[in-house]
C-alpha atoms as a PDB file:
ATOM      1  CA  MET A   1       2.413 -17.947  -8.293  1.00  0.00           C
ATOM      2  CA  GLU A   2      -0.964 -16.238  -8.190  1.00  0.00           C
ATOM      3  CA  ARG A   3      -1.338 -12.977 -10.094  1.00  0.00           C
ATOM      4  CA  ARG A   4      -3.946 -10.269  -9.613  1.00  0.00           C
ATOM      5  CA  GLU A   5      -4.867  -7.736 -12.273  1.00  0.00           C
ATOM      6  CA  LEU A   6      -4.868  -4.020 -11.483  1.00  0.00           C
ATOM      7  CA  GLY A   7      -8.390  -3.101 -12.470  1.00  0.00           C
ATOM      8  CA  ARG A   8      -8.982  -4.086 -16.073  1.00  0.00           C
ATOM      9  CA  THR A   9      -5.691  -2.739 -17.369  1.00  0.00           C
ATOM     10  CA  GLY A  10      -3.939  -5.995 -18.181  1.00  0.00           C
ATOM     11  CA  ILE A  11      -1.235  -5.153 -15.615  1.00  0.00           C
ATOM     12  CA  GLU A  12      -0.793  -8.159 -13.324  1.00  0.00           C
ATOM     13  CA  VAL A  13       0.995  -8.176  -9.978  1.00  0.00           C
ATOM     14  CA  SER A  14       1.700 -10.493  -7.070  1.00  0.00           C
ATOM     15  CA  PRO A  15      -0.971 -10.337  -4.321  1.00  0.00           C
ATOM     16  CA  VAL A  16       1.584  -8.682  -2.046  1.00  0.00           C
ATOM     17  CA  GLY A  17       3.668  -5.702  -3.108  1.00  0.00           C
ATOM     18  CA  LEU A  18       6.097  -3.594  -1.102  1.00  0.00           C
ATOM     19  CA  GLY A  19       5.363  -0.098   0.159  1.00  0.00           C
ATOM     20  CA  THR A  20       8.391   2.186   0.318  1.00  0.00           C
ATOM     21  CA  LEU A  21       7.444   5.017   2.677  1.00  0.00           C
ATOM     22  CA  GLN A  22      10.342   3.908   4.877  1.00  0.00           C
ATOM     23  CA  PHE A  23      12.829   4.515   2.051  1.00  0.00           C
ATOM     24  CA  GLY A  24      12.586   8.313   2.235  1.00  0.00           C
ATOM     25  CA  SER A  25      14.740  10.073   4.838  1.00  0.00           C
ATOM     26  CA  ARG A  26      13.712  13.656   4.149  1.00  0.00           C
ATOM     27  CA  GLY A  27      10.577  15.732   4.502  1.00  0.00           C
ATOM     28  CA  LEU A  28       7.375  14.283   5.941  1.00  0.00           C
ATOM     29  CA  THR A  29       8.737  10.738   6.047  1.00  0.00           C
ATOM     30  CA  THR A  30      11.131  11.531   8.889  1.00  0.00           C
ATOM     31  CA  GLY A  31       8.219  11.992  11.279  1.00  0.00           C
ATOM     32  CA  PHE A  32       7.145   8.378  10.828  1.00  0.00           C
ATOM     33  CA  TYR A  33      10.265   6.273  10.423  1.00  0.00           C
ATOM     34  CA  PRO A  34      13.993   6.647  11.112  1.00  0.00           C
ATOM     35  CA  ALA A  35      16.237   6.978   8.068  1.00  0.00           C
ATOM     36  CA  LEU A  36      17.421   3.718   6.539  1.00  0.00           C
ATOM     37  CA  PRO A  37      20.909   3.408   5.035  1.00  0.00           C
ATOM     38  CA  PRO A  38      20.920   2.717   1.269  1.00  0.00           C
ATOM     39  CA  GLU A  39      22.572  -0.645   1.907  1.00  0.00           C
ATOM     40  CA  ARG A  40      19.653  -1.758   4.082  1.00  0.00           C
ATOM     41  CA  ILE A  41      17.148  -0.602   1.478  1.00  0.00           C
ATOM     42  CA  ALA A  42      18.966  -2.584  -1.214  1.00  0.00           C
ATOM     43  CA  GLU A  43      18.842  -5.697   0.977  1.00  0.00           C
ATOM     44  CA  ILE A  44      15.121  -5.226   1.635  1.00  0.00           C
ATOM     45  CA  VAL A  45      14.331  -4.846  -2.059  1.00  0.00           C
ATOM     46  CA  ARG A  46      16.414  -7.890  -2.962  1.00  0.00           C
ATOM     47  CA  ALA A  47      14.662  -9.967  -0.295  1.00  0.00           C
ATOM     48  CA  ALA A  48      11.266  -8.861  -1.599  1.00  0.00           C
ATOM     49  CA  VAL A  49      12.126  -9.804  -5.187  1.00  0.00           C
ATOM     50  CA  GLU A  50      13.602 -13.144  -4.165  1.00  0.00           C
ATOM     51  CA  GLY A  51      10.455 -13.854  -2.163  1.00  0.00           C
ATOM     52  CA  GLY A  52       8.207 -13.386  -5.188  1.00  0.00           C
ATOM     53  CA  ILE A  53       7.107  -9.767  -4.760  1.00  0.00           C
ATOM     54  CA  ASP A  54       7.056  -8.133  -8.182  1.00  0.00           C
ATOM     55  CA  TRP A  55       5.630  -4.668  -7.614  1.00  0.00           C
ATOM     56  CA  PHE A  56       6.506  -1.641  -5.539  1.00  0.00           C
ATOM     57  CA  ASP A  57       4.575   1.424  -4.443  1.00  0.00           C
ATOM     58  CA  THR A  58       6.334   4.733  -3.868  1.00  0.00           C
ATOM     59  CA  ALA A  59       5.524   8.464  -4.083  1.00  0.00           C
ATOM     60  CA  GLU A  60       7.188  11.771  -4.803  1.00  0.00           C
ATOM     61  CA  MET A  61       6.435  12.924  -1.240  1.00  0.00           C
ATOM     62  CA  TYR A  62       8.332   9.992   0.274  1.00  0.00           C
ATOM     63  CA  GLY A  63      11.566  11.810   0.996  1.00  0.00           C
ATOM     64  CA  ARG A  64      10.938  14.303  -1.847  1.00  0.00           C
ATOM     65  CA  GLY A  65      11.702  11.692  -4.486  1.00  0.00           C
ATOM     66  CA  GLU A  66      14.398   9.892  -2.521  1.00  0.00           C
ATOM     67  CA  SER A  67      12.277   6.771  -2.106  1.00  0.00           C
ATOM     68  CA  GLU A  68      11.799   6.566  -5.879  1.00  0.00           C
ATOM     69  CA  ARG A  69      15.517   6.954  -6.570  1.00  0.00           C
ATOM     70  CA  LEU A  70      16.605   4.423  -3.955  1.00  0.00           C
ATOM     71  CA  LEU A  71      13.991   1.945  -5.136  1.00  0.00           C
ATOM     72  CA  ALA A  72      15.240   2.175  -8.722  1.00  0.00           C
ATOM     73  CA  SER A  73      18.899   1.841  -7.758  1.00  0.00           C
ATOM     74  CA  SER A  74      18.144  -1.078  -5.425  1.00  0.00           C
ATOM     75  CA  LEU A  75      16.228  -2.931  -8.122  1.00  0.00           C
ATOM     76  CA  THR A  76      19.086  -2.410 -10.550  1.00  0.00           C
ATOM     77  CA  GLU A  77      21.577  -3.647  -7.959  1.00  0.00           C
ATOM     78  CA  ALA A  78      19.427  -6.755  -7.470  1.00  0.00           C
ATOM     79  CA  GLY A  79      19.675  -7.526 -11.187  1.00  0.00           C
ATOM     80  CA  VAL A  80      16.066  -6.616 -11.916  1.00  0.00           C
ATOM     81  CA  ARG A  81      15.429  -5.300 -15.424  1.00  0.00           C
ATOM     82  CA  PRO A  82      12.751  -2.919 -16.695  1.00  0.00           C
ATOM     83  CA  GLY A  83       9.631  -4.954 -17.340  1.00  0.00           C
ATOM     84  CA  ASP A  84      10.413  -7.508 -14.641  1.00  0.00           C
ATOM     85  CA  VAL A  85       8.515  -5.569 -11.985  1.00  0.00           C
ATOM     86  CA  VAL A  86       5.637  -3.097 -11.767  1.00  0.00           C
ATOM     87  CA  ILE A  87       6.274   0.352 -10.294  1.00  0.00           C
ATOM     88  CA  ALA A  88       3.567   2.604  -8.857  1.00  0.00           C
ATOM     89  CA  SER A  89       4.118   6.173  -7.704  1.00  0.00           C
ATOM     90  CA  LYS A  90       1.926   9.048  -6.580  1.00  0.00           C
ATOM     91  CA  TRP A  91       1.532  12.761  -7.316  1.00  0.00           C
ATOM     92  CA  THR A  92       1.087  15.049  -4.301  1.00  0.00           C
ATOM     93  CA  PRO A  93      -1.834  17.479  -4.772  1.00  0.00           C
ATOM     94  CA  TRP A  94      -1.164  19.787  -1.804  1.00  0.00           C
ATOM     95  CA  LEU A  95      -1.285  23.463  -2.828  1.00  0.00           C
ATOM     96  CA  ARG A  96      -0.784  22.571  -6.502  1.00  0.00           C
ATOM     97  CA  THR A  97      -2.819  22.717  -9.662  1.00  0.00           C
ATOM     98  CA  ALA A  98      -3.542  19.767 -11.910  1.00  0.00           C
ATOM     99  CA  ARG A  99      -1.014  21.041 -14.441  1.00  0.00           C
ATOM    100  CA  SER A 100       1.811  20.157 -12.067  1.00  0.00           C
ATOM    101  CA  ILE A 101       1.088  16.494 -12.820  1.00  0.00           C
ATOM    102  CA  SER A 102       2.406  16.988 -16.353  1.00  0.00           C
ATOM    103  CA  ARG A 103       5.104  19.384 -15.213  1.00  0.00           C
ATOM    104  CA  THR A 104       6.526  16.874 -12.725  1.00  0.00           C
ATOM    105  CA  ILE A 105       6.250  13.689 -14.778  1.00  0.00           C
ATOM    106  CA  ASP A 106       9.770  14.043 -16.181  1.00  0.00           C
ATOM    107  CA  ALA A 107      11.135  14.258 -12.632  1.00  0.00           C
ATOM    108  CA  ARG A 108       9.247  11.092 -11.702  1.00  0.00           C
ATOM    109  CA  LEU A 109      10.581   9.228 -14.731  1.00  0.00           C
ATOM    110  CA  ARG A 110      14.148  10.397 -14.057  1.00  0.00           C
ATOM    111  CA  ALA A 111      13.922   9.302 -10.429  1.00  0.00           C
ATOM    112  CA  LEU A 112      12.662   5.845 -11.397  1.00  0.00           C
ATOM    113  CA  ALA A 113      14.925   5.337 -14.423  1.00  0.00           C
ATOM    114  CA  PRO A 114      15.509   2.919 -16.017  1.00  0.00           C
ATOM    115  CA  PHE A 115      12.145   1.585 -14.822  1.00  0.00           C
ATOM    116  CA  PRO A 116       8.883   2.829 -16.344  1.00  0.00           C
ATOM    117  CA  LEU A 117       6.060   4.287 -14.275  1.00  0.00           C
ATOM    118  CA  ASP A 118       3.405   1.598 -14.633  1.00  0.00           C
ATOM    119  CA  LEU A 119       0.799   3.142 -12.333  1.00  0.00           C
ATOM    120  CA  HIS A 120       0.603   6.848 -11.491  1.00  0.00           C
ATOM    121  CA  GLN A 121      -1.797   7.803  -8.721  1.00  0.00           C
ATOM    122  CA  ILE A 122      -3.311  10.927  -7.172  1.00  0.00           C
ATOM    123  CA  HIS A 123      -2.129  10.664  -3.573  1.00  0.00           C
ATOM    124  CA  MET A 124      -5.307  12.070  -2.011  1.00  0.00           C
ATOM    125  CA  PRO A 125      -8.536  13.728  -3.134  1.00  0.00           C
ATOM    126  CA  HIS A 126      -7.999  16.948  -1.190  1.00  0.00           C
ATOM    127  CA  GLY A 127      -5.445  19.754  -1.118  1.00  0.00           C
ATOM    128  CA  SER A 128      -5.236  20.712  -4.797  1.00  0.00           C
ATOM    129  CA  PHE A 129      -6.340  24.027  -6.284  1.00  0.00           C
ATOM    130  CA  SER A 130      -7.887  22.001  -9.129  1.00  0.00           C
ATOM    131  CA  ARG A 131     -10.915  19.739  -9.242  1.00  0.00           C
ATOM    132  CA  ILE A 132     -10.487  15.981  -9.269  1.00  0.00           C
ATOM    133  CA  GLU A 133     -11.731  15.931 -12.859  1.00  0.00           C
ATOM    134  CA  SER A 134      -8.869  18.196 -13.963  1.00  0.00           C
ATOM    135  CA  GLN A 135      -6.317  16.054 -12.144  1.00  0.00           C
ATOM    136  CA  VAL A 136      -7.572  12.833 -13.694  1.00  0.00           C
ATOM    137  CA  GLU A 137      -7.663  14.523 -17.104  1.00  0.00           C
ATOM    138  CA  GLN A 138      -3.937  15.246 -16.802  1.00  0.00           C
ATOM    139  CA  LEU A 139      -3.218  11.619 -15.930  1.00  0.00           C
ATOM    140  CA  ALA A 140      -5.336  10.446 -18.860  1.00  0.00           C
ATOM    141  CA  GLN A 141      -3.266  12.588 -21.196  1.00  0.00           C
ATOM    142  CA  LEU A 142      -0.048  11.116 -19.781  1.00  0.00           C
ATOM    143  CA  ARG A 143      -1.442   7.632 -20.354  1.00  0.00           C
ATOM    144  CA  GLU A 144      -2.364   8.483 -23.948  1.00  0.00           C
ATOM    145  CA  ALA A 145       1.131   9.888 -24.484  1.00  0.00           C
ATOM    146  CA  GLY A 146       2.655   6.625 -23.258  1.00  0.00           C
ATOM    147  CA  GLN A 147       4.395   8.238 -20.284  1.00  0.00           C
ATOM    148  CA  ILE A 148       2.560   6.106 -17.726  1.00  0.00           C
ATOM    149  CA  GLY A 149       1.005   2.666 -17.904  1.00  0.00           C
ATOM    150  CA  ALA A 150      -2.227   3.217 -15.983  1.00  0.00           C
ATOM    151  CA  VAL A 151      -4.121   5.702 -13.816  1.00  0.00           C
ATOM    152  CA  GLY A 152      -4.828   5.194 -10.123  1.00  0.00           C
ATOM    153  CA  VAL A 153      -5.949   7.117  -7.063  1.00  0.00           C
ATOM    154  CA  SER A 154      -5.378   6.944  -3.322  1.00  0.00           C
ATOM    155  CA  ASN A 155      -7.600   7.624  -0.317  1.00  0.00           C
ATOM    156  CA  PHE A 156     -10.601   8.221  -2.602  1.00  0.00           C
ATOM    157  CA  SER A 157     -14.182   7.752  -1.413  1.00  0.00           C
ATOM    158  CA  ALA A 158     -16.767   5.905  -3.490  1.00  0.00           C
ATOM    159  CA  ALA A 159     -18.029   9.217  -4.897  1.00  0.00           C
ATOM    160  CA  HIS A 160     -14.490  10.329  -5.757  1.00  0.00           C
ATOM    161  CA  MET A 161     -13.904   7.020  -7.545  1.00  0.00           C
ATOM    162  CA  GLU A 162     -17.020   7.560  -9.638  1.00  0.00           C
ATOM    163  CA  ARG A 163     -15.797  11.004 -10.688  1.00  0.00           C
ATOM    164  CA  ALA A 164     -12.386   9.675 -11.687  1.00  0.00           C
ATOM    165  CA  HIS A 165     -13.964   6.768 -13.550  1.00  0.00           C
ATOM    166  CA  ASP A 166     -16.227   9.072 -15.555  1.00  0.00           C
ATOM    167  CA  VAL A 167     -13.306  11.191 -16.784  1.00  0.00           C
ATOM    168  CA  LEU A 168     -11.258   8.166 -17.816  1.00  0.00           C
ATOM    169  CA  ARG A 169     -14.213   6.540 -19.559  1.00  0.00           C
ATOM    170  CA  ARG A 170     -14.412   9.499 -21.933  1.00  0.00           C
ATOM    171  CA  HIS A 171     -10.844   8.662 -22.969  1.00  0.00           C
ATOM    172  CA  GLY A 172     -11.578   4.969 -23.334  1.00  0.00           C
ATOM    173  CA  LEU A 173      -9.498   4.254 -20.227  1.00  0.00           C
ATOM    174  CA  ARG A 174     -10.174   2.463 -16.939  1.00  0.00           C
ATOM    175  CA  LEU A 175      -9.382   3.425 -13.368  1.00  0.00           C
ATOM    176  CA  ALA A 176      -6.837   0.824 -12.288  1.00  0.00           C
ATOM    177  CA  ALA A 177      -6.764   1.149  -8.521  1.00  0.00           C
ATOM    178  CA  ASN A 178      -7.699   3.032  -5.378  1.00  0.00           C
ATOM    179  CA  GLN A 179      -5.296   2.818  -2.467  1.00  0.00           C
ATOM    180  CA  VAL A 180      -7.084   2.819   0.903  1.00  0.00           C
ATOM    181  CA  GLN A 181      -6.461   1.605   4.421  1.00  0.00           C
ATOM    182  CA  ILE A 182      -7.641  -1.973   4.886  1.00  0.00           C
ATOM    183  CA  ASN A 183      -6.724  -4.196   7.813  1.00  0.00           C
ATOM    184  CA  LEU A 184      -8.235  -6.135  10.695  1.00  0.00           C
ATOM    185  CA  LEU A 185      -8.895  -2.835  12.479  1.00  0.00           C
ATOM    186  CA  ALA A 186      -9.967  -0.839   9.420  1.00  0.00           C
ATOM    187  CA  ARG A 187     -12.869  -2.362   7.509  1.00  0.00           C
ATOM    188  CA  ASP A 188     -14.679   0.803   6.462  1.00  0.00           C
ATOM    189  CA  ILE A 189     -14.676  -0.314   2.822  1.00  0.00           C
ATOM    190  CA  GLU A 190     -17.344  -2.856   3.721  1.00  0.00           C
ATOM    191  CA  THR A 191     -19.857  -0.160   4.697  1.00  0.00           C
ATOM    192  CA  ASP A 192     -18.828   3.121   3.032  1.00  0.00           C
ATOM    193  CA  GLY A 193     -19.432   2.012  -0.543  1.00  0.00           C
ATOM    194  CA  VAL A 194     -15.772   1.796  -1.577  1.00  0.00           C
ATOM    195  CA  LEU A 195     -15.693  -1.995  -1.919  1.00  0.00           C
ATOM    196  CA  GLU A 196     -19.046  -2.134  -3.713  1.00  0.00           C
ATOM    197  CA  THR A 197     -18.016   0.654  -6.093  1.00  0.00           C
ATOM    198  CA  ALA A 198     -14.658  -0.969  -6.784  1.00  0.00           C
ATOM    199  CA  GLU A 199     -16.342  -4.257  -7.660  1.00  0.00           C
ATOM    200  CA  ARG A 200     -18.898  -2.551  -9.895  1.00  0.00           C
ATOM    201  CA  LEU A 201     -16.337  -0.415 -11.749  1.00  0.00           C
ATOM    202  CA  GLY A 202     -13.685  -3.122 -11.915  1.00  0.00           C
ATOM    203  CA  VAL A 203     -11.198  -1.193  -9.777  1.00  0.00           C
ATOM    204  CA  THR A 204      -8.566  -2.915  -7.654  1.00  0.00           C
ATOM    205  CA  LEU A 205      -8.204  -1.803  -4.045  1.00  0.00           C
ATOM    206  CA  ILE A 206      -4.640  -1.528  -2.800  1.00  0.00           C
ATOM    207  CA  ALA A 207      -4.610  -2.160   0.947  1.00  0.00           C
ATOM    208  CA  LEU A 208      -2.289   0.340   2.593  1.00  0.00           C
ATOM    209  CA  ALA A 209      -1.284  -0.038   6.256  1.00  0.00           C
ATOM    210  CA  PRO A 210      -2.273  -3.737   6.318  1.00  0.00           C
ATOM    211  CA  LEU A 211      -0.414  -4.071   9.633  1.00  0.00           C
ATOM    212  CA  ARG A 212      -1.889  -0.848  11.065  1.00  0.00           C
ATOM    213  CA  THR A 213       1.556   0.815  11.225  1.00  0.00           C
ATOM    214  CA  GLY A 214       2.970  -2.103  13.196  1.00  0.00           C
ATOM    215  CA  LEU A 215       0.137  -2.541  15.684  1.00  0.00           C
ATOM    216  CA  LEU A 216      -1.028  -5.783  14.050  1.00  0.00           C
ATOM    217  CA  THR A 217       2.414  -7.368  14.268  1.00  0.00           C
ATOM    218  CA  GLY A 218       1.741  -7.988  17.958  1.00  0.00           C
ATOM    219  CA  LYS A 219       5.255  -6.944  18.932  1.00  0.00           C
ATOM    220  CA  PHE A 220       4.113  -3.903  20.895  1.00  0.00           C
ATOM    221  CA  HIS A 221       1.574  -5.975  22.815  1.00  0.00           C
ATOM    222  CA  LYS A 222       4.315  -8.422  23.741  1.00  0.00           C
ATOM    223  CA  ARG A 223       7.002  -5.820  24.452  1.00  0.00           C
ATOM    224  CA  PRO A 224       5.464  -2.403  25.212  1.00  0.00           C
ATOM    225  CA  GLU A 225       8.906  -0.959  25.908  1.00  0.00           C
ATOM    226  CA  LEU A 226       9.555  -0.999  22.147  1.00  0.00           C
ATOM    227  CA  LEU A 227       7.164   1.935  21.812  1.00  0.00           C
ATOM    228  CA  ARG A 228       9.915   4.190  23.128  1.00  0.00           C
ATOM    229  CA  ASN A 229      11.684   3.741  19.790  1.00  0.00           C
ATOM    230  CA  VAL A 230       8.629   4.749  17.726  1.00  0.00           C
ATOM    231  CA  PRO A 231       8.541   8.403  16.554  1.00  0.00           C
ATOM    232  CA  ARG A 232       5.882  10.444  18.355  1.00  0.00           C
ATOM    233  CA  VAL A 233       4.019  11.343  15.154  1.00  0.00           C
ATOM    234  CA  ARG A 234       3.658   7.678  14.250  1.00  0.00           C
ATOM    235  CA  ARG A 235       2.453   6.823  17.769  1.00  0.00           C
ATOM    236  CA  LEU A 236      -0.222   9.503  17.515  1.00  0.00           C
ATOM    237  CA  MET A 237      -1.301   8.547  13.987  1.00  0.00           C
ATOM    238  CA  ALA A 238      -1.602   4.869  14.928  1.00  0.00           C
ATOM    239  CA  ALA A 239      -3.322   5.693  18.248  1.00  0.00           C
ATOM    240  CA  TYR A 240      -0.874   3.700  20.336  1.00  0.00           C
ATOM    241  CA  THR A 241      -2.786   4.216  23.590  1.00  0.00           C
ATOM    242  CA  PRO A 242      -3.666   1.984  26.568  1.00  0.00           C
ATOM    243  CA  LYS A 243      -7.240   1.877  25.269  1.00  0.00           C
ATOM    244  CA  THR A 244      -6.056   0.646  21.865  1.00  0.00           C
ATOM    245  CA  PHE A 245      -3.908  -2.102  23.341  1.00  0.00           C
ATOM    246  CA  ALA A 246      -6.669  -3.241  25.693  1.00  0.00           C
ATOM    247  CA  ALA A 247      -9.204  -3.332  22.860  1.00  0.00           C
ATOM    248  CA  THR A 248      -6.952  -5.275  20.502  1.00  0.00           C
ATOM    249  CA  THR A 249      -5.348  -7.791  22.874  1.00  0.00           C
ATOM    250  CA  PRO A 250      -8.006 -10.520  22.292  1.00  0.00           C
ATOM    251  CA  LEU A 251      -7.538 -10.115  18.531  1.00  0.00           C
ATOM    252  CA  ILE A 252      -3.760 -10.330  18.793  1.00  0.00           C
ATOM    253  CA  ASP A 253      -4.041 -13.410  21.030  1.00  0.00           C
ATOM    254  CA  THR A 254      -6.203 -15.136  18.408  1.00  0.00           C
ATOM    255  CA  MET A 255      -3.780 -14.140  15.671  1.00  0.00           C
ATOM    256  CA  ARG A 256      -0.908 -15.640  17.682  1.00  0.00           C
ATOM    257  CA  GLU A 257      -2.784 -18.926  18.088  1.00  0.00           C
ATOM    258  CA  ILE A 258      -3.476 -19.116  14.357  1.00  0.00           C
ATOM    259  CA  ALA A 259       0.091 -18.160  13.485  1.00  0.00           C
ATOM    260  CA  SER A 260       1.432 -20.874  15.779  1.00  0.00           C
ATOM    261  CA  ALA A 261      -0.787 -23.491  14.134  1.00  0.00           C
ATOM    262  CA  HIS A 262       0.690 -22.633  10.730  1.00  0.00           C
ATOM    263  CA  GLY A 263       4.287 -21.990  11.762  1.00  0.00           C
ATOM    264  CA  ALA A 264       3.712 -18.419  10.641  1.00  0.00           C
ATOM    265  CA  THR A 265       3.945 -14.963  12.189  1.00  0.00           C
ATOM    266  CA  VAL A 266       1.218 -12.632  13.434  1.00  0.00           C
ATOM    267  CA  SER A 267       2.039 -10.260  10.564  1.00  0.00           C
ATOM    268  CA  GLN A 268       1.525 -13.009   8.015  1.00  0.00           C
ATOM    269  CA  VAL A 269      -1.870 -13.829   9.488  1.00  0.00           C
ATOM    270  CA  ALA A 270      -2.876 -10.157   9.174  1.00  0.00           C
ATOM    271  CA  ILE A 271      -1.883 -10.098   5.503  1.00  0.00           C
ATOM    272  CA  ALA A 272      -3.407 -13.476   4.661  1.00  0.00           C
ATOM    273  CA  TRP A 273      -6.732 -12.413   6.196  1.00  0.00           C
ATOM    274  CA  ILE A 274      -6.968  -9.448   3.813  1.00  0.00           C
ATOM    275  CA  LEU A 275      -6.048 -11.500   0.757  1.00  0.00           C
ATOM    276  CA  GLN A 276      -8.622 -14.185   1.541  1.00  0.00           C
ATOM    277  CA  ARG A 277     -11.463 -12.033   2.826  1.00  0.00           C
ATOM    278  CA  TYR A 278     -11.606  -9.675  -0.146  1.00  0.00           C
ATOM    279  CA  GLY A 279     -10.351 -11.947  -2.906  1.00  0.00           C
ATOM    280  CA  THR A 280      -8.702 -10.929  -6.146  1.00  0.00           C
ATOM    281  CA  ARG A 281     -10.134  -7.392  -6.084  1.00  0.00           C
ATOM    282  CA  VAL A 282      -7.615  -6.474  -3.340  1.00  0.00           C
ATOM    283  CA  VAL A 283      -3.805  -6.464  -3.194  1.00  0.00           C
ATOM    284  CA  VAL A 284      -1.639  -5.540  -0.226  1.00  0.00           C
ATOM    285  CA  ILE A 285       1.385  -3.262   0.277  1.00  0.00           C
ATOM    286  CA  PRO A 286       3.064  -3.719   3.655  1.00  0.00           C
ATOM    287  CA  GLY A 287       6.207  -1.694   4.212  1.00  0.00           C
ATOM    288  CA  ALA A 288       9.541  -2.919   5.519  1.00  0.00           C
ATOM    289  CA  SER A 289      12.352  -1.397   7.539  1.00  0.00           C
ATOM    290  CA  LYS A 290      14.176  -4.706   8.003  1.00  0.00           C
ATOM    291  CA  VAL A 291      14.985  -7.564   5.656  1.00  0.00           C
ATOM    292  CA  HIS A 292      12.900 -10.069   7.590  1.00  0.00           C
ATOM    293  CA  HIS A 293       9.857  -7.802   7.210  1.00  0.00           C
ATOM    294  CA  ALA A 294      10.023  -8.188   3.429  1.00  0.00           C
ATOM    295  CA  GLN A 295      10.660 -11.909   3.690  1.00  0.00           C
ATOM    296  CA  GLU A 296       7.668 -12.427   5.980  1.00  0.00           C
ATOM    297  CA  SER A 297       5.371 -10.371   3.770  1.00  0.00           C
ATOM    298  CA  ALA A 298       6.374 -12.341   0.690  1.00  0.00           C
ATOM    299  CA  ALA A 299       5.862 -15.660   2.473  1.00  0.00           C
ATOM    300  CA  ALA A 300       2.367 -14.562   3.551  1.00  0.00           C
ATOM    301  CA  MET A 301       1.242 -15.161  -0.040  1.00  0.00           C
ATOM    302  CA  SER A 302       1.540 -18.901   0.632  1.00  0.00           C
ATOM    303  CA  LEU A 303      -0.409 -18.900   3.897  1.00  0.00           C
ATOM    304  CA  GLU A 304      -3.932 -20.322   3.631  1.00  0.00           C
ATOM    305  CA  LEU A 305      -6.233 -19.809   6.598  1.00  0.00           C
ATOM    306  CA  THR A 306      -9.089 -22.214   7.288  1.00  0.00           C
ATOM    307  CA  ALA A 307     -12.731 -21.146   7.219  1.00  0.00           C
ATOM    308  CA  ARG A 308     -12.861 -21.501  11.000  1.00  0.00           C
ATOM    309  CA  GLU A 309      -9.790 -19.305  11.410  1.00  0.00           C
ATOM    310  CA  MET A 310     -11.242 -16.658   9.104  1.00  0.00           C
ATOM    311  CA  THR A 311     -14.457 -16.626  11.125  1.00  0.00           C
ATOM    312  CA  ALA A 312     -12.546 -16.290  14.390  1.00  0.00           C
ATOM    313  CA  LEU A 313     -10.551 -13.374  12.998  1.00  0.00           C
ATOM    314  CA  ASP A 314     -13.683 -11.691  11.662  1.00  0.00           C
ATOM    315  CA  GLU A 315     -15.337 -11.920  15.067  1.00  0.00           C
ATOM    316  CA  ARG A 316     -12.311 -10.718  17.027  1.00  0.00           C
ATOM    317  CA  SER A 317     -11.766  -7.948  14.503  1.00  0.00           C
ATOM    318  CA  SER A 318     -15.345  -6.696  14.778  1.00  0.00           C
ATOM    319  CA  ALA A 319     -15.187  -6.786  18.567  1.00  0.00           C
ATOM    320  CA  ALA A 320     -11.926  -4.830  18.621  1.00  0.00           C
ATOM    321  CA  ILE A 321     -13.251  -2.193  16.225  1.00  0.00           C
ATOM    322  CA  ALA A 322     -16.362  -1.761  18.380  1.00  0.00           C
ATOM    323  CA  ARG A 323     -14.185  -1.106  21.431  1.00  0.00           C
ATOM    324  CA  LEU A 324     -11.854   1.398  19.788  1.00  0.00           C
END
């Protein structure tokens, strides 16, 4: 199976990982997804591992640590041992100083035990009382102390990435990854300098929301009544509006045609497009609230789109973005 390195850290992962926002049932998470029973989460994690996914992304703010704990217990239940998978988590900067990174690391390690924290990330560049440089400095010290495997960031602009890179370089370290939204309806990295900066600095981009919070699965286009089951906050964040559905219908139709030609799903086409368009510098973390979601995401690693299909998706994608 193909492996992709996180930056230049020596840490290799499968092209598709699993995001675990859905695993938290407390705090902010409840506004986006309904709570999942632990048994379902264990089944999802097992399906992901069996499908070839070997890394997982979580965060302390996902259910106030609940996602981390349930991920660790589910991996253990699936017979996964420390070192078999890569675990990434994120520190929340809101209304905190950089020192809280060191103060909360023991809680992160306890929540994920017995698994190590391979990649620790700053969840966003805003909201902290401390400068980005101070935050990255704290992570560098944790890396030097052996408490984390690598340093990453999330939602950082090109300029923010440069600042993080400069701090780590003084420690002889590299910035492993920047987690940003990338999908057929979100291609800002191509024009805002993030992709160019990542390539120049040797930073991996982790594509969050590769399915645009479910919009790019096509299920809501096919059965609009399903939107009644989607929490209001998620509907607003994903802009589930008549305008959005009208603008994206030609894209979804093309995705369905391509999926049918390969015996695949619309979701798998969305994931495969990202993996092929951006190459080894990008990895993907779709989430899952059902077992078949994890199975489909894992199988997407084997889907190879033709040059003609990639061109058709690029064109439909650009047209949809222009209409949004």
